[in-house]
Each structure stands twice: as structure tokens, then as C-alpha cells.
Amino acid sequence: MEHKAFLYRDIDDFLSVTVPYLKDGLANDQSVIAVVPEPRLTALRDVFAGPGQPIAFVDSAEFYRHPVRTLRDYQHVVKQSAPRRVCALAEPVWQGWDERQTLEWIRYESLINVVFASSGARALCPYDTGTLPPRVVAEAKRTHPLLLSSEHEGLNHEYVDPVTVGTACDRGPRTGRPRDAEYLPVAGADLHVLRAFVGERAARHGLPKRPAQNLVTAANEVAANALQHGTPPAGLWIWRDGDDVVCEIGDNGFWRPPPNPLTGFIPPETALQRGFGLWTVRLLVDLVEIQAGWDGTFVRLSVSRSASEPAGA
């Protein structure tokens, strides 16, 4: 795969690189998709306006809402385009995220190198150096093997492998549980009580029906895994944190070997593949945080009360 960060200064700089890039994809009979925010999306549409225009234009604000779901959606694009290779102009959204969410989007950009390594796809990822925080631009250099800027074009010597990036993301900020978090012991094979407990509290804390159902399903999956592989006692805590409803499941087991920072992020080929359950959990909720140490293994699930994941996700 070709994964390149493009650091641009303004709209003219943006168009001077992205237009030839998209034209090259068309000339090589590749499946061309441009996922770009406004107003740059409209600027590109205007350049390529005309009947029979084969480029798929998508607004980044609609496509980049959840890093794991975005990975899934790009995977669908690659599969549906086969045997043609994909040529993607892919500009993520970096505004509006808190620190934890920003870390997950940084991890996402790094994961692209693993998920699509053998796909033959090309991805050019623009970064607006005039408006983005310097930290985001610096992370772009750590997550893309190739770099295009006014100072450099070619191999990116600041690139860091995805495992190292993921490990750093896992060390990000994590708050403790509040004193008013409600607790439920988790024991026995029948998790009906757990599902009812989570569903009732999720509704009480203001989660809409679909996100509440997703949280119940995710909590059930994590709890079942804790009962099967963890060390008793296991328990569940649930509370509200600002606009989020947070559910944490923990047990006294020490995860051996320690969880790989890629676990549950790589789309599995089948339901039997290791990591399928955690991949499904990540799709269901807005954020999954794993803390594994000598004091036990804890999986924290966060869902925003403004969540609006469509059915079938």
C-alpha cells in the first residue's frame, strides 16, 4: 500500500497536488474516491464537473465520525472495487475531538498501514498546516510512511510502526471511576441480569434506544469474555460522565501475554478469528479503553448521549 501524508498551506496548494493525483488514478483505471471536508470538496467537484464523472466525492464530516467504523467502511470500498485498486484522497476531521478521541484518530491513521498493507491501494492524506494544531501535523509524520510537503517528498524518516503508536495511545489520559458509579457483581453463565441492569441504567442516563442497545450488547460480550478467560471476582460499573455513559467491566486476571495495541482494531476475516469479539465491541460503542495490569483487566466502554449509529452497524 502507498500511504502518504500531504502537508499543504492553502487551497491553491491543496488543488495543485490533489487534482493531478486524482487524474492519475483515473488514467490508471483505479477506483477513485475523494473524502474531503468543505469547502475543498466543492472546489474539487468544480474541477471535475461534467457528465460521466467517475470520482466518488464524500464529505469527510459524514465519513469520519468513528475511527473503527471508518476503517470498516474503507475496507468495504476496497472489497467492492476489486479487482480494481483504490486511489483514495482521504482528509480526516481533526476538529471537535477531545484528547482521548484525538488519540484514537491518530491510532486510526497508523492502523491504515496494517489493515490495507496488501491491498495495493493508494491513499493521499491532506493536512492543513495553516489551521491544524502543530501536534496533529507532527503525528501525521509519525503515522505515514511517505511524506509530501514544501520541504520534503518521498520516504518519511519520522514514521513510527503501528504497534509503537498504539502503545503510546494506550498510555493516554484515563480518569478514575466516580464514587457514585453503580456496581453489579458478574458471576454465572446467565448474563440476563447484567443486560437488564445496563439497559435500565443506560436509559436512565439518557442514551437513545439504539446506542443503549449497542452498549448492552457490548457489555454482554466483554463480560462473557471476562467470565471465560478472566479470574474471579468480576464486576461491572456504570456511570454518567458529562455527555457520555460509561460502563466498565473488570476482573482480577492478568492478561498474558499483555494485550497487543492492535488487538480488536484489525478487521477479522471470520467470526472465529482472534479479536473478532473486541472488533465488534469497538464498532458498537464510541470508545473502548483497556487497562491490563497486576491489579486486573478492565475494559471501559463509552457511548455519547448524542450517538446516532444507524441500524446494522
Protein backbone atom coordinates (compact mmCIF):
# COMPACT_ATOMS: atom_id res chain seq x y z
CA MET A 1 0.00 0.00 0.00
CA GLU A 2 1.01 3.61 -0.62
CA HIS A 3 0.09 5.80 2.38
CA LYS A 4 1.26 9.40 2.08
CA ALA A 5 0.71 12.50 4.22
CA PHE A 6 0.40 15.74 2.25
CA LEU A 7 1.11 18.90 4.24
CA TYR A 8 -0.46 21.87 2.44
CA ARG A 9 -0.67 25.59 3.14
CA ASP A 10 -3.82 26.85 1.37
CA ILE A 11 -6.48 25.91 -1.18
CA ASP A 12 -4.21 26.61 -4.16
CA ASP A 13 -1.52 24.38 -2.71
CA PHE A 14 -4.17 21.74 -2.00
CA LEU A 15 -5.53 21.73 -5.56
CA SER A 16 -2.07 21.79 -7.17
CA VAL A 17 -1.39 18.32 -5.73
CA THR A 18 -4.79 16.66 -5.30
CA VAL A 19 -6.13 17.33 -8.81
CA PRO A 20 -3.16 15.63 -10.58
CA TYR A 21 -3.32 12.83 -8.03
CA LEU A 22 -6.98 12.10 -8.79
CA LYS A 23 -6.41 12.40 -12.55
CA ASP A 24 -3.56 9.90 -12.27
CA GLY A 25 -5.89 7.46 -10.52
CA LEU A 26 -8.43 7.81 -13.33
CA ALA A 27 -5.75 7.41 -16.01
CA ASN A 28 -4.66 4.14 -14.40
CA ASP A 29 -8.25 2.83 -14.25
CA GLN A 30 -8.28 2.82 -10.47
CA SER A 31 -11.40 3.19 -8.31
CA VAL A 32 -11.09 6.84 -7.27
CA ILE A 33 -12.69 8.25 -4.11
CA ALA A 34 -12.22 11.72 -2.62
CA VAL A 35 -13.20 12.04 1.06
CA VAL A 36 -12.62 15.71 1.79
CA PRO A 37 -14.21 18.39 4.02
CA GLU A 38 -15.85 21.54 2.74
CA PRO A 39 -15.03 23.91 1.14
CA ARG A 40 -12.32 21.83 -0.51
CA LEU A 41 -14.85 19.18 -1.50
CA THR A 42 -16.82 21.70 -3.58
CA ALA A 43 -13.59 23.04 -5.10
CA LEU A 44 -12.70 19.55 -6.32
CA ARG A 45 -16.22 18.91 -7.59
CA ASP A 46 -15.98 22.09 -9.65
CA VAL A 47 -12.69 21.00 -11.22
CA PHE A 48 -14.09 17.61 -12.20
CA ALA A 49 -17.61 18.76 -13.08
CA GLY A 50 -19.16 17.18 -16.12
CA PRO A 51 -21.22 14.20 -17.32
CA GLY A 52 -19.97 10.72 -16.56
CA GLN A 53 -17.54 11.93 -13.90
CA PRO A 54 -16.32 8.68 -12.22
CA ILE A 55 -14.93 10.03 -8.94
CA ALA A 56 -16.89 9.27 -5.76
CA PHE A 57 -16.98 12.50 -3.71
CA VAL A 58 -17.74 12.17 0.01
CA ASP A 59 -17.85 14.79 2.77
CA SER A 60 -15.32 13.99 5.50
CA ALA A 61 -17.76 15.26 8.12
CA GLU A 62 -20.03 12.32 7.27
CA PHE A 63 -17.34 9.69 6.75
CA TYR A 64 -15.02 10.40 9.68
CA ARG A 65 -17.25 10.00 12.72
CA HIS A 66 -15.81 6.91 14.39
CA PRO A 67 -12.33 5.50 13.65
CA VAL A 68 -13.18 1.80 13.71
CA ARG A 69 -16.32 2.27 11.62
CA THR A 70 -14.30 4.36 9.16
CA LEU A 71 -11.77 1.51 8.87
CA ARG A 72 -14.68 -0.83 8.20
CA ASP A 73 -16.13 1.50 5.56
CA TYR A 74 -12.83 1.85 3.72
CA GLN A 75 -12.49 -1.91 3.82
CA HIS A 76 -15.86 -2.15 2.09
CA VAL A 77 -14.67 0.29 -0.57
CA VAL A 78 -11.58 -1.83 -1.26
CA LYS A 79 -13.57 -5.08 -1.44
CA GLN A 80 -16.30 -3.64 -3.65
CA SER A 81 -13.72 -2.13 -6.02
CA ALA A 82 -11.79 -5.37 -6.56
CA PRO A 83 -10.12 -6.33 -8.80
CA ARG A 84 -9.51 -2.61 -9.45
CA ARG A 85 -7.23 -0.91 -6.96
CA VAL A 86 -8.40 2.05 -4.90
CA CYS A 87 -7.00 5.55 -5.22
CA ALA A 88 -8.20 7.49 -2.18
CA LEU A 89 -7.85 11.15 -1.33
CA ALA A 90 -8.58 10.95 2.39
CA GLU A 91 -8.60 14.05 4.62
CA PRO A 92 -9.65 13.20 8.19
CA VAL A 93 -11.58 15.50 10.50
CA TRP A 94 -9.49 16.74 13.44
CA GLN A 95 -11.77 19.39 14.92
CA GLY A 96 -14.24 18.71 17.71
CA TRP A 97 -12.50 15.75 19.39
CA ASP A 98 -11.36 15.56 22.99
CA GLU A 99 -7.90 14.21 23.87
CA ARG A 100 -8.98 10.56 24.05
CA GLN A 101 -10.80 10.75 20.72
CA THR A 102 -7.84 12.50 19.09
CA LEU A 103 -5.60 9.64 20.21
CA GLU A 104 -7.95 7.14 18.58
CA TRP A 105 -7.84 9.04 15.26
CA ILE A 106 -4.03 9.10 15.47
CA ARG A 107 -4.13 5.34 16.03
CA TYR A 108 -6.53 5.03 13.08
CA GLU A 109 -4.10 6.72 10.69
CA SER A 110 -1.37 4.35 11.85
CA LEU A 111 -3.62 1.28 11.52
CA ILE A 112 -4.22 2.07 7.83
CA ASN A 113 -0.70 0.76 7.21
CA VAL A 114 -1.62 -2.64 8.67
CA VAL A 115 -5.23 -3.08 7.58
CA PHE A 116 -4.57 -2.30 3.91
CA ALA A 117 -0.93 -3.42 3.68
CA SER A 118 -1.56 -5.98 0.91
CA SER A 119 -4.47 -4.20 -0.80
CA GLY A 120 -2.45 -2.31 -3.41
CA ALA A 121 -4.46 0.80 -2.53
CA ARG A 122 -3.11 4.34 -2.65
CA ALA A 123 -4.07 6.93 -0.05
CA LEU A 124 -3.08 10.60 -0.02
CA CYS A 125 -3.99 12.23 3.30
CA PRO A 126 -4.01 16.06 3.25
CA TYR A 127 -3.17 18.02 6.42
CA ASP A 128 -3.83 21.77 6.53
CA THR A 129 -0.76 23.22 8.25
CA GLY A 130 -2.41 26.63 8.42
CA THR A 131 -5.29 25.58 10.68
CA LEU A 132 -4.42 22.27 12.35
CA PRO A 133 -2.70 22.16 15.75
CA PRO A 134 1.06 21.51 15.44
CA ARG A 135 0.61 18.31 17.44
CA VAL A 136 -1.72 16.84 14.77
CA VAL A 137 0.71 17.73 11.98
CA ALA A 138 3.56 16.15 13.96
CA GLU A 139 1.53 12.95 14.41
CA ALA A 140 0.86 12.84 10.65
CA LYS A 141 4.60 12.44 10.17
CA ARG A 142 4.65 9.55 12.64
CA THR A 143 1.78 7.63 11.01
CA HIS A 144 2.53 7.89 7.27
CA PRO A 145 5.45 6.04 5.62
CA LEU A 146 5.52 8.63 2.82
CA LEU A 147 5.50 12.42 3.11
CA LEU A 148 4.87 15.29 0.71
CA SER A 149 5.48 18.84 1.89
CA SER A 150 7.18 22.02 0.72
CA GLU A 151 10.40 20.74 2.31
CA HIS A 152 10.28 17.01 1.52
CA GLU A 153 8.90 14.41 -0.87
CA GLY A 154 9.44 10.69 -0.52
CA LEU A 155 10.19 8.31 2.33
CA ASN A 156 9.26 9.73 5.72
CA HIS A 157 12.09 9.21 8.19
CA GLU A 158 9.87 10.21 11.13
CA TYR A 159 7.49 7.30 10.52
CA VAL A 160 6.84 5.03 13.53
CA ASP A 161 5.44 1.49 13.32
CA PRO A 162 1.75 0.98 14.31
CA VAL A 163 2.50 -1.13 17.40
CA THR A 164 4.63 1.67 18.88
CA VAL A 165 1.99 4.27 18.02
CA GLY A 166 -0.77 2.12 19.52
CA THR A 167 1.20 1.56 22.72
CA ALA A 168 1.61 5.33 23.12
CA CYS A 169 -2.12 5.85 22.54
CA ASP A 170 -2.93 3.31 25.25
CA ARG A 171 -0.93 5.38 27.73
CA GLY A 172 -3.26 8.34 27.15
CA PRO A 173 -5.35 10.06 29.85
CA ARG A 174 -7.82 7.93 31.77
CA THR A 175 -9.91 9.10 34.70
CA GLY A 176 -10.87 7.01 37.71
CA ARG A 177 -14.37 5.78 38.47
CA PRO A 178 -16.59 8.27 40.35
CA ARG A 179 -17.88 7.40 43.81
CA ASP A 180 -21.47 7.30 42.57
CA ALA A 181 -20.75 4.67 39.89
CA GLU A 182 -23.31 1.85 40.22
CA TYR A 183 -21.86 -1.63 40.69
CA LEU A 184 -23.04 -5.10 39.72
CA PRO A 185 -21.14 -8.33 40.52
CA VAL A 186 -20.71 -10.50 37.43
CA ALA A 187 -20.95 -14.24 38.02
CA GLY A 188 -22.56 -17.24 36.39
CA ALA A 189 -23.16 -18.04 32.76
CA ASP A 190 -26.55 -16.32 32.54
CA LEU A 191 -25.98 -12.63 31.87
CA HIS A 192 -29.66 -11.69 31.71
CA VAL A 193 -29.39 -9.67 34.93
CA LEU A 194 -26.37 -7.81 33.57
CA ARG A 195 -28.15 -6.93 30.31
CA ALA A 196 -31.21 -5.67 32.19
CA PHE A 197 -29.01 -3.69 34.61
CA VAL A 198 -27.05 -1.97 31.83
CA GLY A 199 -30.14 -1.34 29.70
CA GLU A 200 -32.10 0.27 32.55
CA ARG A 201 -29.18 2.49 33.61
CA ALA A 202 -28.38 3.48 30.04
CA ALA A 203 -31.96 4.62 29.52
CA ARG A 204 -31.99 6.44 32.86
CA HIS A 205 -28.81 8.30 31.91
CA GLY A 206 -30.40 9.47 28.66
CA LEU A 207 -28.99 7.19 25.98
CA PRO A 208 -31.25 6.87 22.91
CA LYS A 209 -32.63 3.41 22.19
CA ARG A 210 -30.14 2.28 19.54
CA PRO A 211 -26.94 3.37 21.38
CA ALA A 212 -28.37 1.90 24.60
CA GLN A 213 -28.93 -1.45 22.88
CA ASN A 214 -25.41 -1.30 21.46
CA LEU A 215 -23.97 -0.67 24.94
CA VAL A 216 -25.90 -3.65 26.35
CA THR A 217 -24.58 -5.92 23.58
CA ALA A 218 -21.01 -4.67 24.03
CA ALA A 219 -21.12 -5.05 27.83
CA ASN A 220 -22.50 -8.57 27.46
CA GLU A 221 -19.66 -9.54 25.10
CA VAL A 222 -16.96 -8.14 27.38
CA ALA A 223 -18.48 -9.71 30.50
CA ALA A 224 -18.78 -13.11 28.82
CA ASN A 225 -15.11 -12.88 27.86
CA ALA A 226 -14.15 -11.92 31.43
CA LEU A 227 -16.05 -14.92 32.80
CA GLN A 228 -14.43 -17.28 30.28
CA HIS A 229 -10.85 -16.04 30.38
CA GLY A 230 -10.53 -13.86 33.49
CA THR A 231 -10.07 -14.53 37.19
CA PRO A 232 -12.97 -14.02 39.65
CA PRO A 233 -14.33 -11.89 41.05
CA ALA A 234 -15.62 -9.93 38.06
CA GLY A 235 -17.77 -6.84 38.23
CA LEU A 236 -19.41 -4.08 36.23
CA TRP A 237 -19.64 -0.36 36.97
CA ILE A 238 -21.76 2.19 35.11
CA TRP A 239 -21.96 5.95 35.42
CA ARG A 240 -22.50 9.17 33.51
CA ASP A 241 -19.53 11.35 32.59
CA GLY A 242 -20.70 14.61 31.06
CA ASP A 243 -22.35 13.71 27.77
CA ASP A 244 -21.10 10.11 27.94
CA VAL A 245 -22.46 6.99 29.59
CA VAL A 246 -19.54 4.85 30.73
CA CYS A 247 -19.62 1.14 31.50
CA GLU A 248 -16.56 -0.70 32.82
CA ILE A 249 -16.13 -4.45 33.22
CA GLY A 250 -13.21 -5.80 35.21
CA ASP A 251 -11.80 -8.98 36.71
CA ASN A 252 -8.75 -9.93 38.77
CA GLY A 253 -6.96 -11.69 35.93
CA PHE A 254 -3.63 -10.58 34.49
CA TRP A 255 -3.78 -10.55 30.67
CA ARG A 256 -1.00 -12.88 29.47
CA PRO A 257 0.61 -12.00 27.17
CA PRO A 258 -0.25 -8.29 27.56
CA PRO A 259 -2.81 -7.08 25.01
CA ASN A 260 -1.30 -6.12 21.68
CA PRO A 261 -2.22 -2.49 20.86
CA LEU A 262 -3.59 -3.76 17.51
CA THR A 263 -5.96 -6.30 19.11
CA GLY A 264 -9.55 -5.65 18.15
CA PHE A 265 -8.62 -2.94 15.65
CA ILE A 266 -7.77 -5.15 12.67
CA PRO A 267 -10.91 -6.23 10.78
CA PRO A 268 -11.15 -10.04 11.22
CA GLU A 269 -11.72 -12.31 8.25
CA THR A 270 -14.19 -14.55 10.12
CA ALA A 271 -16.05 -14.71 13.44
CA LEU A 272 -13.63 -17.45 14.51
CA GLN A 273 -10.57 -15.23 14.22
CA ARG A 274 -9.00 -13.92 17.42
CA GLY A 275 -10.08 -10.37 18.15
CA PHE A 276 -13.49 -10.69 16.46
CA GLY A 277 -15.39 -10.05 19.71
CA LEU A 278 -13.37 -6.95 20.60
CA TRP A 279 -13.62 -5.67 17.00
CA THR A 280 -17.42 -5.99 17.26
CA VAL A 281 -17.41 -4.20 20.62
CA ARG A 282 -15.38 -1.33 19.17
CA LEU A 283 -17.94 -0.97 16.37
CA LEU A 284 -20.82 -0.81 18.84
CA VAL A 285 -19.60 1.94 21.16
CA ASP A 286 -17.82 5.26 20.75
CA LEU A 287 -14.66 4.44 22.69
CA VAL A 288 -13.07 1.32 24.16
CA GLU A 289 -10.20 1.63 26.65
CA ILE A 290 -8.33 -1.39 28.02
CA GLN A 291 -6.23 -1.34 31.16
CA ALA A 292 -4.41 -4.57 31.95
CA GLY A 293 -2.03 -4.93 34.90
CA TRP A 294 -1.29 -6.88 38.04
CA ASP A 295 -4.43 -5.45 39.66
CA GLY A 296 -6.64 -6.99 36.97
CA THR A 297 -8.02 -6.37 33.49
CA PHE A 298 -10.55 -3.57 32.93
CA VAL A 299 -12.40 -2.72 29.74
CA ARG A 300 -14.13 0.66 29.67
CA LEU A 301 -16.91 1.37 27.16
CA SER A 302 -18.07 4.93 26.48
CA VAL A 303 -21.13 5.99 24.49
CA SER A 304 -22.18 9.57 23.86
CA ARG A 305 -25.77 10.53 24.53
CA SER A 306 -25.70 12.24 21.13
CA ALA A 307 -24.65 8.98 19.44
CA SER A 308 -26.62 8.17 16.29
CA GLU A 309 -25.13 4.99 14.85
CA PRO A 310 -27.50 3.64 12.18
CA ALA A 311 -29.01 0.21 12.44
CA GLY A 312 -26.95 -2.65 11.13
CA ALA A 313 -23.59 -1.14 12.04
